[in-house]
Structures are given as structure tokens and as C-alpha cells.
Amino acid sequence: YELEKPNVPMTLVYGENDTFQPDADWFKKMELSAEIVPNFGHNLYSDEKIISKVCFDLLQKVTKAAV
């Protein structure tokens, strides 16, 4: 339901079957894109592989910024 794009770097991640993800018009209006994970729903963050991937991606951003 956000109406303004936050002024921070971000990666939006949604499960392919997540009925709560915004529609394509919202992404276009906000000038954002999302990483869509196949075969997952709204609870994708409860999966160990997804948690590991998100943590790894964050760690890469932090270590790249520190160098």
C-alpha cells in the first residue's frame, strides 16, 4: 500500500505464489523491480535456502562497500 518510493537502496523479494505481492502497475509506478522466487508463497523467508541467500546478498553489499 506504499504510495512513495523509499529513498534507500533495496531489493524486493517475493515468492512467485505470494498473493500479497504488489501488482505490476505498482512496481512500474514506484520505478522498482522485484526478485521473484519460483515455487514459493508468502512464507518464503521461513525456508533455510532463502534466508541464506538474503544474508549472503546483504553480506556482499556490506563487504563491497567497505573495500
PDB file of N, CA and C in Angstrom:
ATOM      1  N   TYR A   1       0.804  -1.209   0.000  1.00  0.00           N
ATOM      2  CA  TYR A   1       0.000   0.000   0.000  1.00  0.00           C
ATOM      3  C   TYR A   1       0.846   1.273   0.000  1.00  0.00           C
ATOM      4  N   GLU A   2       2.144   1.125  -0.143  1.00  0.00           N
ATOM      5  CA  GLU A   2       3.023   2.290  -0.154  1.00  0.00           C
ATOM      6  C   GLU A   2       2.715   3.172  -1.364  1.00  0.00           C
ATOM      7  N   LEU A   3       2.768   4.476  -1.158  1.00  0.00           N
ATOM      8  CA  LEU A   3       2.485   5.423  -2.225  1.00  0.00           C
ATOM      9  C   LEU A   3       3.724   6.203  -2.650  1.00  0.00           C
ATOM     10  N   GLU A   4       4.796   6.129  -1.840  1.00  0.00           N
ATOM     11  CA  GLU A   4       6.040   6.800  -2.155  1.00  0.00           C
ATOM     12  C   GLU A   4       7.185   5.806  -2.092  1.00  0.00           C
ATOM     13  N   LYS A   5       8.100   5.964  -3.036  1.00  0.00           N
ATOM     14  CA  LYS A   5       9.267   5.088  -3.076  1.00  0.00           C
ATOM     15  C   LYS A   5      10.243   5.513  -1.978  1.00  0.00           C
ATOM     16  N   PRO A   6      10.631   4.610  -1.098  1.00  0.00           N
ATOM     17  CA  PRO A   6      11.624   4.957  -0.072  1.00  0.00           C
ATOM     18  C   PRO A   6      12.950   5.351  -0.715  1.00  0.00           C
ATOM     19  N   ASN A   7      13.629   6.290  -0.126  1.00  0.00           N
ATOM     20  CA  ASN A   7      14.887   6.782  -0.676  1.00  0.00           C
ATOM     21  C   ASN A   7      16.067   6.008  -0.081  1.00  0.00           C
ATOM     22  N   VAL A   8      16.043   4.707  -0.259  1.00  0.00           N
ATOM     23  CA  VAL A   8      17.102   3.824   0.220  1.00  0.00           C
ATOM     24  C   VAL A   8      17.321   2.719  -0.811  1.00  0.00           C
ATOM     25  N   PRO A   9      18.536   2.196  -0.896  1.00  0.00           N
ATOM     26  CA  PRO A   9      18.747   1.053  -1.781  1.00  0.00           C
ATOM     27  C   PRO A   9      17.980  -0.152  -1.244  1.00  0.00           C
ATOM     28  N   MET A  10      17.369  -0.901  -2.127  1.00  0.00           N
ATOM     29  CA  MET A  10      16.606  -2.061  -1.665  1.00  0.00           C
ATOM     30  C   MET A  10      16.479  -3.110  -2.755  1.00  0.00           C
ATOM     31  N   THR A  11      16.255  -4.305  -2.304  1.00  0.00           N
ATOM     32  CA  THR A  11      15.913  -5.411  -3.184  1.00  0.00           C
ATOM     33  C   THR A  11      14.633  -6.010  -2.641  1.00  0.00           C
ATOM     34  N   LEU A  12      13.616  -6.026  -3.462  1.00  0.00           N
ATOM     35  CA  LEU A  12      12.339  -6.616  -3.056  1.00  0.00           C
ATOM     36  C   LEU A  12      12.326  -8.072  -3.507  1.00  0.00           C
ATOM     37  N   VAL A  13      11.984  -8.961  -2.604  1.00  0.00           N
ATOM     38  CA  VAL A  13      11.973 -10.393  -2.895  1.00  0.00           C
ATOM     39  C   VAL A  13      10.599 -10.938  -2.533  1.00  0.00           C
ATOM     40  N   TYR A  14       9.975 -11.598  -3.492  1.00  0.00           N
ATOM     41  CA  TYR A  14       8.652 -12.183  -3.288  1.00  0.00           C
ATOM     42  C   TYR A  14       8.639 -13.611  -3.799  1.00  0.00           C
ATOM     43  N   GLY A  15       7.849 -14.440  -3.161  1.00  0.00           N
ATOM     44  CA  GLY A  15       7.603 -15.770  -3.681  1.00  0.00           C
ATOM     45  C   GLY A  15       6.669 -15.663  -4.879  1.00  0.00           C
ATOM     46  N   GLU A  16       6.900 -16.484  -5.861  1.00  0.00           N
ATOM     47  CA  GLU A  16       6.094 -16.485  -7.078  1.00  0.00           C
ATOM     48  C   GLU A  16       4.591 -16.607  -6.779  1.00  0.00           C
ATOM     49  N   ASN A  17       4.256 -17.368  -5.759  1.00  0.00           N
ATOM     50  CA  ASN A  17       2.849 -17.621  -5.424  1.00  0.00           C
ATOM     51  C   ASN A  17       2.339 -16.749  -4.275  1.00  0.00           C
ATOM     52  N   ASP A  18       3.050 -15.679  -3.970  1.00  0.00           N
ATOM     53  CA  ASP A  18       2.659 -14.787  -2.877  1.00  0.00           C
ATOM     54  C   ASP A  18       1.490 -13.913  -3.325  1.00  0.00           C
ATOM     55  N   THR A  19       0.336 -14.134  -2.742  1.00  0.00           N
ATOM     56  CA  THR A  19      -0.851 -13.358  -3.121  1.00  0.00           C
ATOM     57  C   THR A  19      -0.801 -11.938  -2.567  1.00  0.00           C
ATOM     58  N   PHE A  20       0.179 -11.640  -1.713  1.00  0.00           N
ATOM     59  CA  PHE A  20       0.298 -10.316  -1.124  1.00  0.00           C
ATOM     60  C   PHE A  20       1.284  -9.411  -1.875  1.00  0.00           C
ATOM     61  N   GLN A  21       1.946  -9.927  -2.897  1.00  0.00           N
ATOM     62  CA  GLN A  21       2.904  -9.086  -3.609  1.00  0.00           C
ATOM     63  C   GLN A  21       2.161  -8.029  -4.429  1.00  0.00           C
ATOM     64  N   PRO A  22       2.766  -6.854  -4.569  1.00  0.00           N
ATOM     65  CA  PRO A  22       2.124  -5.801  -5.358  1.00  0.00           C
ATOM     66  C   PRO A  22       1.980  -6.209  -6.824  1.00  0.00           C
ATOM     67  N   ASP A  23       1.033  -5.562  -7.505  1.00  0.00           N
ATOM     68  CA  ASP A  23       0.853  -5.883  -8.919  1.00  0.00           C
ATOM     69  C   ASP A  23       1.864  -5.120  -9.775  1.00  0.00           C
ATOM     70  N   ALA A  24       1.922  -5.465 -11.045  1.00  0.00           N
ATOM     71  CA  ALA A  24       2.896  -4.882 -11.973  1.00  0.00           C
ATOM     72  C   ALA A  24       2.758  -3.369 -12.075  1.00  0.00           C
ATOM     73  N   ASP A  25       1.544  -2.838 -11.985  1.00  0.00           N
ATOM     74  CA  ASP A  25       1.345  -1.387 -12.056  1.00  0.00           C
ATOM     75  C   ASP A  25       2.031  -0.675 -10.894  1.00  0.00           C
ATOM     76  N   TRP A  26       1.975  -1.270  -9.705  1.00  0.00           N
ATOM     77  CA  TRP A  26       2.620  -0.663  -8.540  1.00  0.00           C
ATOM     78  C   TRP A  26       4.127  -0.589  -8.746  1.00  0.00           C
ATOM     79  N   PHE A  27       4.722  -1.692  -9.221  1.00  0.00           N
ATOM     80  CA  PHE A  27       6.164  -1.702  -9.458  1.00  0.00           C
ATOM     81  C   PHE A  27       6.548  -0.644 -10.484  1.00  0.00           C
ATOM     82  N   LYS A  28       5.761  -0.517 -11.529  1.00  0.00           N
ATOM     83  CA  LYS A  28       6.039   0.475 -12.561  1.00  0.00           C
ATOM     84  C   LYS A  28       5.920   1.894 -12.002  1.00  0.00           C
ATOM     85  N   LYS A  29       4.859   2.161 -11.260  1.00  0.00           N
ATOM     86  CA  LYS A  29       4.639   3.482 -10.674  1.00  0.00           C
ATOM     87  C   LYS A  29       5.770   3.852  -9.713  1.00  0.00           C
ATOM     88  N   MET A  30       6.228   2.899  -8.932  1.00  0.00           N
ATOM     89  CA  MET A  30       7.276   3.145  -7.948  1.00  0.00           C
ATOM     90  C   MET A  30       8.679   3.083  -8.560  1.00  0.00           C
ATOM     91  N   GLU A  31       8.767   2.695  -9.823  1.00  0.00           N
ATOM     92  CA  GLU A  31      10.049   2.523 -10.514  1.00  0.00           C
ATOM     93  C   GLU A  31      10.945   1.539  -9.772  1.00  0.00           C
ATOM     94  N   LEU A  32      10.347   0.408  -9.427  1.00  0.00           N
ATOM     95  CA  LEU A  32      11.041  -0.655  -8.705  1.00  0.00           C
ATOM     96  C   LEU A  32      10.869  -1.971  -9.456  1.00  0.00           C
ATOM     97  N   SER A  33      11.726  -2.901  -9.148  1.00  0.00           N
ATOM     98  CA  SER A  33      11.569  -4.259  -9.651  1.00  0.00           C
ATOM     99  C   SER A  33      11.689  -5.200  -8.463  1.00  0.00           C
ATOM    100  N   ALA A  34      11.379  -6.444  -8.710  1.00  0.00           N
ATOM    101  CA  ALA A  34      11.434  -7.428  -7.633  1.00  0.00           C
ATOM    102  C   ALA A  34      12.125  -8.690  -8.117  1.00  0.00           C
ATOM    103  N   GLU A  35      12.732  -9.365  -7.188  1.00  0.00           N
ATOM    104  CA  GLU A  35      13.262 -10.694  -7.448  1.00  0.00           C
ATOM    105  C   GLU A  35      12.150 -11.661  -7.062  1.00  0.00           C
ATOM    106  N   ILE A  36      11.669 -12.422  -8.025  1.00  0.00           N
ATOM    107  CA  ILE A  36      10.579 -13.369  -7.792  1.00  0.00           C
ATOM    108  C   ILE A  36      11.171 -14.773  -7.686  1.00  0.00           C
ATOM    109  N   VAL A  37      10.929 -15.409  -6.558  1.00  0.00           N
ATOM    110  CA  VAL A  37      11.478 -16.745  -6.303  1.00  0.00           C
ATOM    111  C   VAL A  37      10.420 -17.782  -6.683  1.00  0.00           C
ATOM    112  N   PRO A  38      10.728 -18.636  -7.665  1.00  0.00           N
ATOM    113  CA  PRO A  38       9.755 -19.641  -8.113  1.00  0.00           C
ATOM    114  C   PRO A  38       9.365 -20.627  -7.014  1.00  0.00           C
ATOM    115  N   ASN A  39       8.139 -21.097  -7.093  1.00  0.00           N
ATOM    116  CA  ASN A  39       7.621 -22.167  -6.235  1.00  0.00           C
ATOM    117  C   ASN A  39       7.526 -21.808  -4.754  1.00  0.00           C
ATOM    118  N   PHE A  40       7.465 -20.527  -4.428  1.00  0.00           N
ATOM    119  CA  PHE A  40       7.306 -20.104  -3.049  1.00  0.00           C
ATOM    120  C   PHE A  40       6.111 -19.172  -2.927  1.00  0.00           C
ATOM    121  N   GLY A  41       5.579 -19.120  -1.732  1.00  0.00           N
ATOM    122  CA  GLY A  41       4.487 -18.212  -1.428  1.00  0.00           C
ATOM    123  C   GLY A  41       4.950 -17.135  -0.461  1.00  0.00           C
ATOM    124  N   HIS A  42       4.026 -16.655   0.340  1.00  0.00           N
ATOM    125  CA  HIS A  42       4.282 -15.558   1.266  1.00  0.00           C
ATOM    126  C   HIS A  42       5.296 -15.928   2.356  1.00  0.00           C
ATOM    127  N   ASN A  43       5.423 -17.198   2.668  1.00  0.00           N
ATOM    128  CA  ASN A  43       6.308 -17.636   3.759  1.00  0.00           C
ATOM    129  C   ASN A  43       7.699 -18.037   3.277  1.00  0.00           C
ATOM    130  N   LEU A  44       8.146 -17.492   2.150  1.00  0.00           N
ATOM    131  CA  LEU A  44       9.436 -17.913   1.610  1.00  0.00           C
ATOM    132  C   LEU A  44      10.586 -17.669   2.576  1.00  0.00           C
ATOM    133  N   TYR A  45      10.478 -16.676   3.459  1.00  0.00           N
ATOM    134  CA  TYR A  45      11.574 -16.385   4.393  1.00  0.00           C
ATOM    135  C   TYR A  45      11.712 -17.426   5.495  1.00  0.00           C
ATOM    136  N   SER A  46      10.808 -18.365   5.561  1.00  0.00           N
ATOM    137  CA  SER A  46      10.950 -19.445   6.538  1.00  0.00           C
ATOM    138  C   SER A  46      11.797 -20.592   5.980  1.00  0.00           C
ATOM    139  N   ASP A  47      12.177 -20.487   4.720  1.00  0.00           N
ATOM    140  CA  ASP A  47      12.999 -21.522   4.094  1.00  0.00           C
ATOM    141  C   ASP A  47      14.489 -21.205   4.292  1.00  0.00           C
ATOM    142  N   GLU A  48      15.228 -22.185   4.744  1.00  0.00           N
ATOM    143  CA  GLU A  48      16.647 -22.031   5.036  1.00  0.00           C
ATOM    144  C   GLU A  48      17.458 -21.525   3.838  1.00  0.00           C
ATOM    145  N   LYS A  49      17.152 -22.011   2.639  1.00  0.00           N
ATOM    146  CA  LYS A  49      17.893 -21.600   1.444  1.00  0.00           C
ATOM    147  C   LYS A  49      17.640 -20.123   1.122  1.00  0.00           C
ATOM    148  N   ILE A  50      16.418 -19.671   1.305  1.00  0.00           N
ATOM    149  CA  ILE A  50      16.081 -18.276   1.037  1.00  0.00           C
ATOM    150  C   ILE A  50      16.759 -17.373   2.061  1.00  0.00           C
ATOM    151  N   ILE A  51      16.713 -17.763   3.330  1.00  0.00           N
ATOM    152  CA  ILE A  51      17.375 -16.984   4.381  1.00  0.00           C
ATOM    153  C   ILE A  51      18.870 -16.869   4.085  1.00  0.00           C
ATOM    154  N   SER A  52      19.486 -17.967   3.691  1.00  0.00           N
ATOM    155  CA  SER A  52      20.916 -17.956   3.377  1.00  0.00           C
ATOM    156  C   SER A  52      21.220 -17.031   2.203  1.00  0.00           C
ATOM    157  N   LYS A  53      20.399 -17.076   1.180  1.00  0.00           N
ATOM    158  CA  LYS A  53      20.612 -16.230   0.007  1.00  0.00           C
ATOM    159  C   LYS A  53      20.483 -14.751   0.365  1.00  0.00           C
ATOM    160  N   VAL A  54      19.461 -14.393   1.114  1.00  0.00           N
ATOM    161  CA  VAL A  54      19.266 -12.994   1.513  1.00  0.00           C
ATOM    162  C   VAL A  54      20.446 -12.519   2.355  1.00  0.00           C
ATOM    163  N   CYS A  55      20.875 -13.330   3.301  1.00  0.00           N
ATOM    164  CA  CYS A  55      22.015 -12.967   4.147  1.00  0.00           C
ATOM    165  C   CYS A  55      23.290 -12.831   3.314  1.00  0.00           C
ATOM    166  N   PHE A  56      23.506 -13.748   2.403  1.00  0.00           N
ATOM    167  CA  PHE A  56      24.686 -13.690   1.542  1.00  0.00           C
ATOM    168  C   PHE A  56      24.676 -12.425   0.690  1.00  0.00           C
ATOM    169  N   ASP A  57      23.526 -12.094   0.104  1.00  0.00           N
ATOM    170  CA  ASP A  57      23.418 -10.879  -0.716  1.00  0.00           C
ATOM    171  C   ASP A  57      23.706  -9.632   0.106  1.00  0.00           C
ATOM    172  N   LEU A  58      23.176  -9.577   1.324  1.00  0.00           N
ATOM    173  CA  LEU A  58      23.436  -8.431   2.202  1.00  0.00           C
ATOM    174  C   LEU A  58      24.918  -8.349   2.571  1.00  0.00           C
ATOM    175  N   LEU A  59      25.509  -9.490   2.870  1.00  0.00           N
ATOM    176  CA  LEU A  59      26.921  -9.525   3.231  1.00  0.00           C
ATOM    177  C   LEU A  59      27.791  -9.043   2.072  1.00  0.00           C
ATOM    178  N   GLN A  60      27.448  -9.434   0.869  1.00  0.00           N
ATOM    179  CA  GLN A  60      28.210  -8.983  -0.301  1.00  0.00           C
ATOM    180  C   GLN A  60      28.131  -7.466  -0.441  1.00  0.00           C
ATOM    181  N   LYS A  61      26.960  -6.888  -0.238  1.00  0.00           N
ATOM    182  CA  LYS A  61      26.812  -5.432  -0.343  1.00  0.00           C
ATOM    183  C   LYS A  61      27.644  -4.724   0.720  1.00  0.00           C
ATOM    184  N   VAL A  62      27.639  -5.242   1.930  1.00  0.00           N
ATOM    185  CA  VAL A  62      28.371  -4.619   3.026  1.00  0.00           C
ATOM    186  C   VAL A  62      29.881  -4.711   2.795  1.00  0.00           C
ATOM    187  N   THR A  63      30.342  -5.878   2.407  1.00  0.00           N
ATOM    188  CA  THR A  63      31.781  -6.048   2.217  1.00  0.00           C
ATOM    189  C   THR A  63      32.262  -5.294   0.986  1.00  0.00           C
ATOM    190  N   LYS A  64      31.441  -5.200  -0.040  1.00  0.00           N
ATOM    191  CA  LYS A  64      31.816  -4.443  -1.232  1.00  0.00           C
ATOM    192  C   LYS A  64      31.918  -2.956  -0.896  1.00  0.00           C
ATOM    193  N   ALA A  65      31.012  -2.458  -0.076  1.00  0.00           N
ATOM    194  CA  ALA A  65      31.026  -1.050   0.330  1.00  0.00           C
ATOM    195  C   ALA A  65      32.225  -0.733   1.212  1.00  0.00           C
ATOM    196  N   ALA A  66      32.698  -1.718   1.979  1.00  0.00           N
ATOM    197  CA  ALA A  66      33.806  -1.494   2.906  1.00  0.00           C
ATOM    198  C   ALA A  66      35.158  -1.467   2.194  1.00  0.00           C
ATOM    199  N   VAL A  67      35.221  -2.051   1.024  1.00  0.00           N
ATOM    200  CA  VAL A  67      36.505  -2.146   0.292  1.00  0.00           C
ATOM    201  C   VAL A  67      36.814  -0.881  -0.445  1.00  0.00           C
TER     202      VAL A  67
END
